[in-house]
N, C-alpha and C. Protein backbone atom coordinates (compact mmCIF):
# COMPACT_ATOMS: atom_id res chain seq x y z
N UNK A 1 -6.00 -22.99 -6.31
CA UNK A 1 -6.33 -21.74 -5.91
C UNK A 1 -6.32 -20.65 -6.76
N UNK A 2 -7.25 -19.67 -6.80
CA UNK A 2 -7.21 -18.57 -7.78
C UNK A 2 -6.35 -17.45 -7.09
N UNK A 3 -6.30 -17.50 -5.85
CA UNK A 3 -5.86 -16.12 -5.06
C UNK A 3 -5.25 -16.66 -3.77
N UNK A 4 -4.10 -16.10 -3.21
CA UNK A 4 -3.70 -16.48 -2.10
C UNK A 4 -4.51 -16.50 -0.93
N UNK A 5 -4.84 -17.54 -0.26
CA UNK A 5 -5.85 -17.66 0.72
C UNK A 5 -5.41 -16.72 2.02
N UNK A 6 -6.41 -16.03 2.81
CA UNK A 6 -6.08 -15.41 3.85
C UNK A 6 -5.49 -16.29 4.84
N UNK A 7 -4.23 -15.69 5.57
CA UNK A 7 -3.75 -16.37 6.62
C UNK A 7 -2.40 -17.25 6.10
N UNK A 8 -2.00 -17.01 4.97
CA UNK A 8 -0.90 -17.82 4.34
C UNK A 8 0.10 -16.44 4.15
N UNK A 9 0.98 -16.41 5.01
CA UNK A 9 2.11 -15.48 4.99
C UNK A 9 3.56 -16.27 4.98
N UNK A 10 3.70 -17.44 5.19
CA UNK A 10 5.04 -18.01 5.40
C UNK A 10 4.76 -19.15 4.42
N UNK A 11 6.09 -19.70 4.14
CA UNK A 11 6.09 -20.94 3.41
C UNK A 11 5.55 -22.01 4.30
N UNK A 12 5.59 -22.13 5.24
CA UNK A 12 5.06 -23.22 6.29
C UNK A 12 3.56 -23.21 6.13
N UNK A 13 2.95 -21.94 6.05
CA UNK A 13 1.48 -21.73 5.79
C UNK A 13 1.04 -22.53 4.36
N UNK A 14 2.10 -22.20 3.40
CA UNK A 14 1.64 -22.98 2.06
C UNK A 14 1.76 -24.27 2.22
N UNK A 15 2.70 -24.87 2.69
CA UNK A 15 2.92 -26.28 2.88
C UNK A 15 1.60 -26.93 3.61
N UNK A 16 0.97 -26.41 4.58
CA UNK A 16 -0.19 -26.80 5.31
C UNK A 16 -1.33 -26.97 4.29
N UNK A 17 -1.28 -25.52 3.74
CA UNK A 17 -2.51 -25.53 2.84
C UNK A 17 -2.53 -26.70 1.83
N UNK A 18 -1.38 -26.87 1.02
CA UNK A 18 -0.95 -27.87 0.05
C UNK A 18 -1.17 -29.28 0.52
N UNK A 19 -0.73 -29.51 1.64
CA UNK A 19 -0.88 -30.88 2.41
C UNK A 19 -2.51 -31.23 2.52
N UNK A 20 -3.16 -30.27 2.84
CA UNK A 20 -4.65 -30.48 3.16
C UNK A 20 -5.41 -30.73 1.77
N UNK A 21 -4.96 -30.20 0.53
CA UNK A 21 -5.26 -30.51 -0.57
C UNK A 21 -4.96 -31.56 -1.41
N UNK A 22 -3.76 -32.03 -1.18
CA UNK A 22 -3.17 -33.03 -1.88
C UNK A 22 -3.33 -34.69 -1.48
N UNK A 23 -3.11 -35.51 -2.41
CA UNK A 23 -3.30 -36.83 -1.90
C UNK A 23 -1.73 -37.25 -1.26
N UNK A 24 -1.77 -38.32 -0.26
CA UNK A 24 -0.50 -38.44 0.38
C UNK A 24 0.76 -38.81 -0.51
N UNK A 25 0.42 -39.40 -1.64
CA UNK A 25 1.49 -39.80 -2.59
C UNK A 25 2.26 -38.49 -3.20
N UNK A 26 1.38 -37.54 -3.61
CA UNK A 26 1.73 -36.30 -4.27
C UNK A 26 2.34 -35.46 -3.28
N UNK A 27 1.81 -35.35 -2.12
CA UNK A 27 2.53 -34.56 -0.95
C UNK A 27 3.89 -35.06 -0.66
N UNK A 28 4.10 -36.49 -0.57
CA UNK A 28 5.43 -37.00 -0.24
C UNK A 28 6.22 -36.58 -1.30
N UNK A 29 5.90 -36.59 -2.62
CA UNK A 29 6.94 -36.25 -3.59
C UNK A 29 7.19 -34.76 -3.54
N UNK A 30 6.29 -34.09 -3.40
CA UNK A 30 6.59 -32.54 -3.26
C UNK A 30 7.49 -32.20 -2.14
N UNK A 31 7.05 -32.85 -1.07
CA UNK A 31 7.80 -32.56 0.38
C UNK A 31 9.23 -33.05 0.41
N UNK A 32 9.49 -33.89 -0.49
CA UNK A 32 10.78 -34.51 -0.58
C UNK A 32 11.62 -33.62 -1.64
N UNK A 33 11.17 -32.64 -2.42
CA UNK A 33 12.01 -31.81 -3.35
C UNK A 33 11.35 -31.84 -4.58
N UNK A 34 10.40 -32.48 -4.86
CA UNK A 34 9.62 -32.63 -6.03
C UNK A 34 10.54 -32.92 -7.48
N UNK A 35 11.40 -34.08 -6.84
CA UNK A 35 12.15 -34.70 -8.15
C UNK A 35 13.16 -33.57 -8.78
N UNK A 36 13.09 -32.44 -8.54
CA UNK A 36 14.18 -31.50 -9.11
C UNK A 36 15.33 -31.49 -8.15
N UNK A 37 15.55 -31.83 -7.19
CA UNK A 37 16.39 -31.78 -6.14
C UNK A 37 16.51 -30.48 -5.45
N UNK A 38 15.38 -29.82 -5.42
CA UNK A 38 15.14 -28.60 -4.77
C UNK A 38 14.80 -28.88 -3.28
N UNK A 39 15.18 -28.22 -2.44
CA UNK A 39 14.82 -28.32 -0.99
C UNK A 39 13.66 -27.53 -0.41
N UNK A 40 12.71 -28.01 -0.09
CA UNK A 40 11.71 -27.14 0.59
C UNK A 40 12.34 -26.44 1.69
N UNK A 41 12.99 -26.91 2.40
CA UNK A 41 13.60 -26.22 3.67
C UNK A 41 14.56 -25.06 2.99
N UNK A 42 15.16 -25.24 2.05
CA UNK A 42 15.94 -24.01 1.54
C UNK A 42 14.88 -22.88 1.02
N UNK A 43 13.79 -23.22 0.38
CA UNK A 43 12.79 -22.19 0.13
C UNK A 43 12.10 -21.55 1.38
N UNK A 44 11.99 -22.36 2.29
CA UNK A 44 11.40 -21.92 3.73
C UNK A 44 12.27 -21.12 4.20
N UNK A 45 13.49 -21.37 4.25
CA UNK A 45 14.60 -20.33 5.02
C UNK A 45 14.62 -19.10 4.20
N UNK A 46 14.60 -19.18 2.65
CA UNK A 46 14.56 -17.88 1.93
C UNK A 46 13.41 -17.05 2.28
N UNK A 47 12.48 -17.84 2.31
CA UNK A 47 11.10 -16.77 2.43
C UNK A 47 11.15 -16.30 4.14
N UNK A 48 11.34 -17.07 5.04
CA UNK A 48 11.50 -16.70 6.49
C UNK A 48 12.55 -15.73 6.75
N UNK A 49 13.58 -15.55 5.98
CA UNK A 49 14.58 -14.44 6.21
C UNK A 49 14.02 -13.00 5.80
N UNK A 50 12.80 -12.93 5.27
CA UNK A 50 12.37 -11.52 4.87
C UNK A 50 11.97 -10.94 6.12
N UNK A 51 11.44 -11.47 7.36
CA UNK A 51 11.34 -10.75 8.55
C UNK A 51 12.43 -10.07 9.26
N UNK A 52 13.73 -10.56 8.64
CA UNK A 52 14.87 -10.08 9.56
C UNK A 52 15.40 -8.57 8.98
N UNK A 53 14.64 -8.34 7.88
CA UNK A 53 14.86 -6.96 7.36
C UNK A 53 14.84 -5.63 8.40
N UNK A 54 13.79 -5.51 9.45
CA UNK A 54 13.87 -4.55 10.41
C UNK A 54 14.92 -4.75 11.29
N UNK A 55 15.47 -5.83 11.47
CA UNK A 55 16.62 -5.97 12.50
C UNK A 55 17.92 -5.57 11.71
N UNK A 56 18.12 -6.09 10.63
CA UNK A 56 19.28 -5.69 9.70
C UNK A 56 19.38 -4.08 9.58
N UNK A 57 18.30 -3.45 9.12
CA UNK A 57 18.28 -2.10 8.91
C UNK A 57 18.44 -1.29 10.27
N UNK A 58 18.24 -1.82 11.45
CA UNK A 58 18.24 -0.97 12.63
C UNK A 58 19.35 -0.27 12.77
N UNK A 59 20.52 -0.93 12.52
CA UNK A 59 22.02 0.03 12.53
C UNK A 59 22.11 0.86 11.62
N UNK A 60 21.05 1.21 10.68
CA UNK A 60 21.43 2.19 9.59
C UNK A 60 20.72 3.52 9.85
N UNK A 61 20.61 3.96 10.86
CA UNK A 61 20.09 5.28 11.35
C UNK A 61 20.44 6.37 10.47
N UNK A 62 19.73 7.32 9.93
CA UNK A 62 20.05 8.22 8.94
C UNK A 62 20.28 7.82 7.65
N UNK A 63 20.19 6.64 7.15
CA UNK A 63 20.34 6.24 5.99
C UNK A 63 19.05 5.95 5.17
N UNK A 64 18.99 5.90 3.95
CA UNK A 64 17.74 5.66 3.27
C UNK A 64 17.43 4.19 3.53
N UNK A 65 16.07 3.83 3.39
CA UNK A 65 15.71 2.37 3.64
C UNK A 65 15.09 1.76 2.34
N UNK A 66 15.62 2.41 1.18
CA UNK A 66 15.16 1.88 -0.14
C UNK A 66 15.77 0.42 -0.22
N UNK A 67 14.94 -0.41 -0.58
CA UNK A 67 15.53 -2.10 -0.78
C UNK A 67 15.35 -2.56 -2.00
N UNK A 68 16.33 -3.33 -2.71
CA UNK A 68 16.15 -4.00 -3.79
C UNK A 68 16.49 -5.57 -3.57
N UNK A 69 15.38 -6.18 -3.97
CA UNK A 69 15.40 -7.72 -3.90
C UNK A 69 16.15 -8.11 -5.36
N UNK A 70 17.35 -8.80 -5.10
CA UNK A 70 17.91 -9.30 -6.22
C UNK A 70 17.98 -10.92 -6.27
N UNK A 71 17.65 -11.44 -7.44
CA UNK A 71 17.78 -12.89 -7.54
C UNK A 71 18.27 -13.40 -8.82
N UNK A 72 18.94 -14.43 -8.79
CA UNK A 72 19.61 -14.96 -10.08
C UNK A 72 19.21 -16.48 -10.23
N UNK A 73 18.63 -16.71 -11.54
CA UNK A 73 18.31 -18.09 -11.66
C UNK A 73 17.10 -18.55 -10.83
N UNK A 74 16.88 -19.58 -10.02
CA UNK A 74 15.73 -19.96 -9.16
C UNK A 74 15.50 -18.69 -8.15
N UNK A 75 16.55 -17.97 -7.75
CA UNK A 75 16.27 -16.90 -6.85
C UNK A 75 15.70 -15.84 -7.60
N UNK A 76 16.01 -15.66 -8.90
CA UNK A 76 15.15 -14.72 -9.73
C UNK A 76 13.90 -15.11 -9.92
N UNK A 77 13.45 -16.38 -9.86
CA UNK A 77 12.07 -16.72 -10.14
C UNK A 77 11.63 -16.19 -8.78
N UNK A 78 12.00 -16.51 -7.73
CA UNK A 78 11.58 -16.08 -6.30
C UNK A 78 11.39 -14.73 -6.28
N UNK A 79 12.36 -13.84 -6.90
CA UNK A 79 12.31 -12.29 -6.85
C UNK A 79 11.01 -11.81 -7.57
N UNK A 80 10.80 -12.68 -8.66
CA UNK A 80 9.43 -12.23 -9.40
C UNK A 80 8.37 -12.59 -8.78
N UNK A 81 8.44 -13.77 -8.05
CA UNK A 81 7.17 -14.19 -7.22
C UNK A 81 6.93 -13.25 -6.03
N UNK A 82 8.05 -12.84 -5.10
CA UNK A 82 7.89 -11.69 -4.35
C UNK A 82 7.28 -10.42 -5.08
N UNK A 83 7.76 -10.03 -6.08
CA UNK A 83 7.09 -8.75 -6.77
C UNK A 83 5.50 -8.90 -6.86
N UNK A 84 5.19 -10.20 -7.40
CA UNK A 84 3.78 -10.45 -7.73
C UNK A 84 2.83 -10.80 -6.47
N UNK A 85 3.39 -11.37 -5.67
CA UNK A 85 2.62 -12.15 -4.53
C UNK A 85 2.44 -11.19 -3.56
N UNK A 86 3.85 -10.47 -3.13
CA UNK A 86 3.71 -9.38 -2.10
C UNK A 86 4.12 -8.10 -2.69
N UNK A 87 3.34 -7.47 -3.53
CA UNK A 87 3.78 -6.19 -4.16
C UNK A 87 4.00 -5.12 -2.82
N UNK A 88 4.99 -4.28 -3.09
CA UNK A 88 5.05 -3.30 -2.08
C UNK A 88 6.29 -3.62 -1.12
N UNK A 89 6.58 -5.04 -0.99
CA UNK A 89 7.50 -5.46 0.08
C UNK A 89 8.97 -4.86 -0.18
N UNK A 90 9.27 -4.55 -1.25
CA UNK A 90 10.60 -4.09 -1.68
C UNK A 90 10.25 -3.00 -2.79
N UNK A 91 10.95 -1.82 -2.89
CA UNK A 91 10.82 -0.64 -3.77
C UNK A 91 11.51 -1.07 -5.26
N UNK A 92 12.29 -2.03 -5.21
CA UNK A 92 12.89 -2.49 -6.57
C UNK A 92 13.24 -3.91 -6.55
N UNK A 93 13.08 -4.51 -7.91
CA UNK A 93 13.20 -5.95 -7.88
C UNK A 93 14.36 -6.18 -9.20
N UNK A 94 15.05 -6.97 -9.12
CA UNK A 94 15.99 -7.24 -10.01
C UNK A 94 16.35 -8.90 -10.31
N UNK A 95 15.61 -9.32 -11.40
CA UNK A 95 15.79 -10.78 -11.79
C UNK A 95 16.80 -10.97 -12.80
N UNK A 96 17.75 -11.72 -12.59
CA UNK A 96 18.81 -12.14 -13.62
C UNK A 96 18.42 -13.61 -13.90
N UNK A 97 18.39 -13.76 -15.20
CA UNK A 97 18.05 -15.09 -15.72
C UNK A 97 17.10 -15.94 -14.82
N UNK A 98 15.78 -15.09 -14.60
CA UNK A 98 15.04 -15.86 -13.74
C UNK A 98 14.58 -17.15 -14.47
N UNK A 99 14.25 -18.38 -13.66
CA UNK A 99 14.05 -19.77 -14.00
C UNK A 99 12.63 -19.87 -14.49
N UNK A 100 12.18 -18.99 -15.48
CA UNK A 100 10.72 -19.27 -15.69
C UNK A 100 10.50 -20.42 -16.54
N UNK A 101 11.31 -21.16 -16.66
CA UNK A 101 11.18 -22.67 -17.62
C UNK A 101 10.71 -23.43 -16.35
N UNK A 102 11.09 -23.25 -15.11
CA UNK A 102 10.65 -24.07 -13.81
C UNK A 102 9.24 -24.80 -14.09
N UNK A 103 9.12 -25.81 -13.91
CA UNK A 103 7.80 -26.55 -14.04
C UNK A 103 7.38 -26.47 -15.61
N UNK A 104 8.16 -26.54 -16.39
CA UNK A 104 7.75 -26.36 -17.83
C UNK A 104 7.01 -25.06 -18.02
N UNK A 105 7.36 -24.05 -17.35
CA UNK A 105 6.95 -22.72 -17.85
C UNK A 105 5.39 -22.44 -17.04
N UNK A 106 4.94 -23.46 -16.25
CA UNK A 106 3.52 -23.22 -15.63
C UNK A 106 3.46 -21.99 -14.92
N UNK A 107 4.46 -21.41 -14.30
CA UNK A 107 4.43 -20.27 -13.35
C UNK A 107 4.05 -19.19 -14.24
N UNK A 108 4.59 -18.90 -15.31
CA UNK A 108 4.54 -17.85 -16.25
C UNK A 108 3.06 -17.76 -16.54
N UNK A 109 2.35 -18.95 -16.50
CA UNK A 109 0.86 -18.76 -16.94
C UNK A 109 0.08 -18.16 -15.79
N UNK A 110 0.66 -18.00 -14.50
CA UNK A 110 0.04 -17.66 -13.53
C UNK A 110 0.10 -16.00 -13.46
N UNK A 111 0.91 -15.27 -14.05
CA UNK A 111 1.30 -14.11 -13.83
C UNK A 111 0.23 -12.98 -14.16
N UNK A 112 -0.74 -13.51 -15.24
CA UNK A 112 -1.78 -12.55 -15.43
C UNK A 112 -2.70 -12.45 -14.14
N UNK A 113 -3.12 -13.58 -13.69
CA UNK A 113 -3.83 -13.68 -12.38
C UNK A 113 -3.30 -12.83 -11.25
N UNK A 114 -1.97 -12.96 -11.13
CA UNK A 114 -1.45 -12.18 -10.05
C UNK A 114 -1.31 -10.79 -10.14
N UNK A 115 -1.19 -10.34 -11.49
CA UNK A 115 -1.27 -8.93 -11.95
C UNK A 115 -2.43 -8.40 -11.61
N UNK A 116 -3.60 -9.13 -12.12
CA UNK A 116 -4.82 -8.49 -11.76
C UNK A 116 -5.24 -8.39 -10.30
N UNK A 117 -4.57 -9.09 -9.52
CA UNK A 117 -4.79 -9.02 -7.99
C UNK A 117 -4.11 -8.06 -7.50
N UNK A 118 -3.01 -7.21 -8.27
CA UNK A 118 -1.99 -6.41 -7.63
C UNK A 118 -2.77 -5.15 -7.10
N UNK A 119 -2.37 -4.54 -6.11
CA UNK A 119 -2.95 -3.43 -5.62
C UNK A 119 -2.77 -2.24 -6.69
N UNK A 120 -3.61 -1.24 -6.26
CA UNK A 120 -3.49 -0.08 -7.33
C UNK A 120 -3.60 1.29 -6.23
N UNK A 121 -2.58 2.23 -6.18
CA UNK A 121 -1.57 2.27 -7.10
C UNK A 121 -0.41 1.18 -6.71
N UNK A 122 0.40 0.84 -7.74
CA UNK A 122 1.50 -0.20 -7.59
C UNK A 122 2.66 0.46 -8.12
N UNK A 123 3.66 0.65 -6.95
CA UNK A 123 4.91 1.43 -7.28
C UNK A 123 6.13 0.36 -7.13
N UNK A 124 6.92 0.32 -7.99
CA UNK A 124 7.94 -0.55 -8.19
C UNK A 124 8.82 -0.46 -9.24
N UNK A 125 10.04 -0.46 -9.19
CA UNK A 125 10.99 -0.68 -10.39
C UNK A 125 11.42 -2.14 -10.53
N UNK A 126 11.37 -2.55 -11.86
CA UNK A 126 11.92 -4.00 -12.06
C UNK A 126 12.75 -4.15 -13.25
N UNK A 127 13.78 -4.86 -12.71
CA UNK A 127 14.87 -5.04 -14.00
C UNK A 127 14.91 -6.49 -14.19
N UNK A 128 14.60 -6.91 -15.41
CA UNK A 128 14.74 -8.34 -15.84
C UNK A 128 15.96 -8.23 -16.86
N UNK A 129 16.67 -9.38 -16.66
CA UNK A 129 17.78 -9.45 -17.59
C UNK A 129 18.08 -11.01 -17.95
N UNK A 130 18.49 -11.26 -18.98
CA UNK A 130 19.14 -12.56 -19.39
C UNK A 130 20.36 -12.39 -20.19
N UNK A 131 21.29 -13.26 -20.26
CA UNK A 131 22.70 -13.40 -21.06
C UNK A 131 22.24 -13.56 -22.43
N UNK A 132 23.09 -13.00 -23.34
CA UNK A 132 22.84 -13.19 -24.71
C UNK A 132 23.18 -14.73 -25.00
N UNK A 133 24.18 -15.24 -24.11
CA UNK A 133 24.28 -16.82 -24.44
C UNK A 133 23.05 -17.72 -24.01
N UNK A 134 22.02 -17.17 -23.33
CA UNK A 134 20.98 -18.07 -22.99
C UNK A 134 20.10 -18.11 -24.07
N UNK A 135 20.05 -17.71 -25.20
CA UNK A 135 19.32 -17.97 -26.42
C UNK A 135 19.94 -19.29 -27.16
N UNK A 136 19.12 -20.06 -27.59
CA UNK A 136 19.58 -21.30 -28.30
C UNK A 136 20.59 -21.05 -29.51
N UNK A 137 20.34 -19.89 -30.17
CA UNK A 137 21.22 -19.62 -31.26
C UNK A 137 22.57 -19.39 -30.75
N UNK A 138 22.79 -18.64 -29.49
CA UNK A 138 24.05 -18.18 -29.22
C UNK A 138 24.78 -19.29 -28.07
N UNK A 139 24.37 -20.43 -28.08
CA UNK A 139 24.63 -21.53 -27.27
C UNK A 139 26.08 -21.94 -27.59
N UNK A 140 26.83 -22.16 -26.54
CA UNK A 140 28.24 -22.53 -27.03
C UNK A 140 28.38 -23.88 -27.41
N UNK A 141 27.40 -24.79 -27.22
CA UNK A 141 27.37 -26.05 -27.70
C UNK A 141 26.02 -26.79 -28.11
N UNK A 142 25.95 -27.68 -29.06
CA UNK A 142 24.88 -28.40 -29.44
C UNK A 142 23.94 -28.86 -28.20
N UNK A 143 24.51 -29.59 -27.35
CA UNK A 143 23.75 -30.00 -25.99
C UNK A 143 23.01 -28.84 -25.35
N UNK A 144 23.79 -27.58 -25.12
CA UNK A 144 23.27 -26.54 -24.33
C UNK A 144 22.18 -25.98 -25.31
N UNK A 145 22.29 -25.82 -26.56
CA UNK A 145 21.26 -25.26 -27.30
C UNK A 145 19.93 -26.11 -27.49
N UNK A 146 20.23 -27.39 -27.15
CA UNK A 146 18.83 -28.27 -27.04
C UNK A 146 18.34 -27.96 -25.63
N UNK A 147 19.02 -27.70 -24.56
CA UNK A 147 18.40 -27.42 -23.15
C UNK A 147 17.73 -26.17 -23.31
N UNK A 148 18.45 -25.05 -24.14
CA UNK A 148 17.94 -23.53 -24.14
C UNK A 148 16.79 -23.57 -24.83
N UNK A 149 16.50 -24.37 -25.92
CA UNK A 149 15.55 -24.48 -26.79
C UNK A 149 14.14 -24.74 -26.18
N UNK A 150 14.43 -25.67 -25.20
CA UNK A 150 13.20 -26.22 -24.34
C UNK A 150 12.94 -25.08 -23.27
N UNK A 151 13.84 -24.72 -22.66
CA UNK A 151 13.68 -23.76 -21.66
C UNK A 151 13.32 -22.38 -22.08
N UNK A 152 13.79 -21.94 -23.20
CA UNK A 152 13.47 -20.57 -23.77
C UNK A 152 13.55 -19.23 -22.78
N UNK A 153 14.71 -19.21 -22.09
CA UNK A 153 14.73 -18.41 -20.95
C UNK A 153 14.55 -16.86 -21.77
N UNK A 154 15.05 -16.47 -22.93
CA UNK A 154 15.04 -15.21 -23.41
C UNK A 154 13.67 -14.93 -23.71
N UNK A 155 12.71 -15.84 -24.52
CA UNK A 155 11.55 -15.59 -24.94
C UNK A 155 10.61 -15.27 -23.69
N UNK A 156 10.85 -16.31 -22.64
CA UNK A 156 9.94 -16.18 -21.50
C UNK A 156 10.07 -14.96 -20.67
N UNK A 157 11.36 -14.64 -20.54
CA UNK A 157 11.52 -13.31 -19.91
C UNK A 157 11.04 -12.05 -20.52
N UNK A 158 11.39 -12.08 -21.90
CA UNK A 158 10.73 -11.08 -22.88
C UNK A 158 9.15 -10.95 -22.55
N UNK A 159 8.45 -12.21 -22.42
CA UNK A 159 7.04 -12.29 -22.52
C UNK A 159 6.68 -11.65 -20.99
N UNK A 160 7.37 -12.09 -19.82
CA UNK A 160 7.22 -11.47 -18.59
C UNK A 160 7.26 -9.94 -18.45
N UNK A 161 8.40 -9.32 -19.29
CA UNK A 161 8.81 -8.06 -19.28
C UNK A 161 7.43 -7.19 -20.19
N UNK A 162 6.92 -7.96 -20.96
CA UNK A 162 5.86 -7.41 -21.71
C UNK A 162 4.53 -7.25 -20.80
N UNK A 163 4.42 -8.35 -20.01
CA UNK A 163 3.01 -8.39 -19.16
C UNK A 163 3.35 -7.38 -18.04
N UNK A 164 4.52 -7.15 -17.58
CA UNK A 164 4.76 -6.00 -16.71
C UNK A 164 4.53 -4.69 -17.28
N UNK A 165 4.99 -4.57 -18.59
CA UNK A 165 4.90 -3.17 -19.13
C UNK A 165 3.43 -2.78 -19.35
N UNK A 166 2.49 -3.75 -19.69
CA UNK A 166 1.18 -3.77 -19.97
C UNK A 166 0.36 -3.21 -18.78
N UNK A 167 0.94 -3.91 -17.63
CA UNK A 167 0.47 -3.51 -16.29
C UNK A 167 0.85 -2.13 -15.78
N UNK A 168 1.99 -1.60 -16.36
CA UNK A 168 2.51 -0.37 -16.12
C UNK A 168 1.77 0.76 -16.67
N UNK A 169 1.13 0.43 -17.52
CA UNK A 169 0.28 1.41 -18.75
C UNK A 169 -0.74 1.72 -17.70
N UNK A 170 -1.19 0.97 -16.78
CA UNK A 170 -2.46 0.93 -15.88
C UNK A 170 -1.88 1.59 -14.34
N UNK A 171 -0.64 1.32 -14.13
CA UNK A 171 -0.02 1.66 -13.02
C UNK A 171 1.36 2.48 -13.36
N UNK A 172 1.15 3.67 -13.73
CA UNK A 172 2.47 4.49 -14.07
C UNK A 172 3.74 4.52 -13.09
N UNK A 173 3.46 4.10 -11.91
CA UNK A 173 4.66 4.21 -11.06
C UNK A 173 5.32 2.68 -11.09
N UNK A 174 4.82 1.85 -11.70
CA UNK A 174 5.59 0.54 -12.07
C UNK A 174 6.42 0.77 -13.28
N UNK A 175 7.73 0.64 -12.97
CA UNK A 175 8.70 0.68 -14.04
C UNK A 175 9.40 -0.75 -14.59
N UNK A 176 9.05 -1.28 -15.59
CA UNK A 176 9.82 -2.56 -15.94
C UNK A 176 10.82 -2.45 -17.11
N UNK A 177 12.12 -2.73 -17.00
CA UNK A 177 13.24 -2.81 -17.96
C UNK A 177 13.63 -4.32 -18.32
N UNK A 178 13.90 -4.53 -19.47
CA UNK A 178 14.31 -5.81 -19.81
C UNK A 178 15.64 -5.76 -20.63
N UNK A 179 16.63 -6.25 -20.39
CA UNK A 179 17.88 -6.31 -21.39
C UNK A 179 18.54 -7.85 -21.50
N UNK A 180 18.99 -8.07 -22.68
CA UNK A 180 19.58 -9.14 -22.95
C UNK A 180 21.08 -8.86 -22.95
C-alpha cells in the first residue's frame, strides 16, 4: 500500500485489509504476534483507546485541551506512527527511545511517503530523545554494544529528526527537537 486506504480507521480495519492481501501462512504468523512476542491485541487496544479522549476530557471543564502523546520504546514508535498517520490528532508528540529498529528499520523507510501525504498546514510539536547509553560506543557491556550496533537507535532517531526538520521548512508550524 502506498497510502492508507479509505475506510481504515482502527487496528481491526488494518487487520482485515492485511488478511485479504496475505497468504494464509503469512497471516497466521503475523496474527500470532509476528515472532517478536508482540501482541496484536495489545496494539489494537492501544489504538482503540484513542476514542476514549472525549470521555476522559469531559470532566475538565474550563481547562485547556492541549494533549501530548508520549511513548517510550515500542510505544515511542507508535507515537511517531500516530504523528505521521493521523496528523493533528494531538498537538504535541514525545517519543523517547522510539524503536525505529523494529523490523530491521523498515518502518523508517516509510517516513518520507507519510510526510508527503501530510496535510498542509501541519501544526505539531515533536520531541524525540534517546539516552546517551543507547549509542554502541557508550554501551555498558560488549553484548549490549553489539545489539546497539545493529539497532542504531541514536543514528535512526537523528535521521527521523532531520526528516521532520526538513518537513518543518515547508510547514513552519511543525517543530521537531532531538536530544541525546
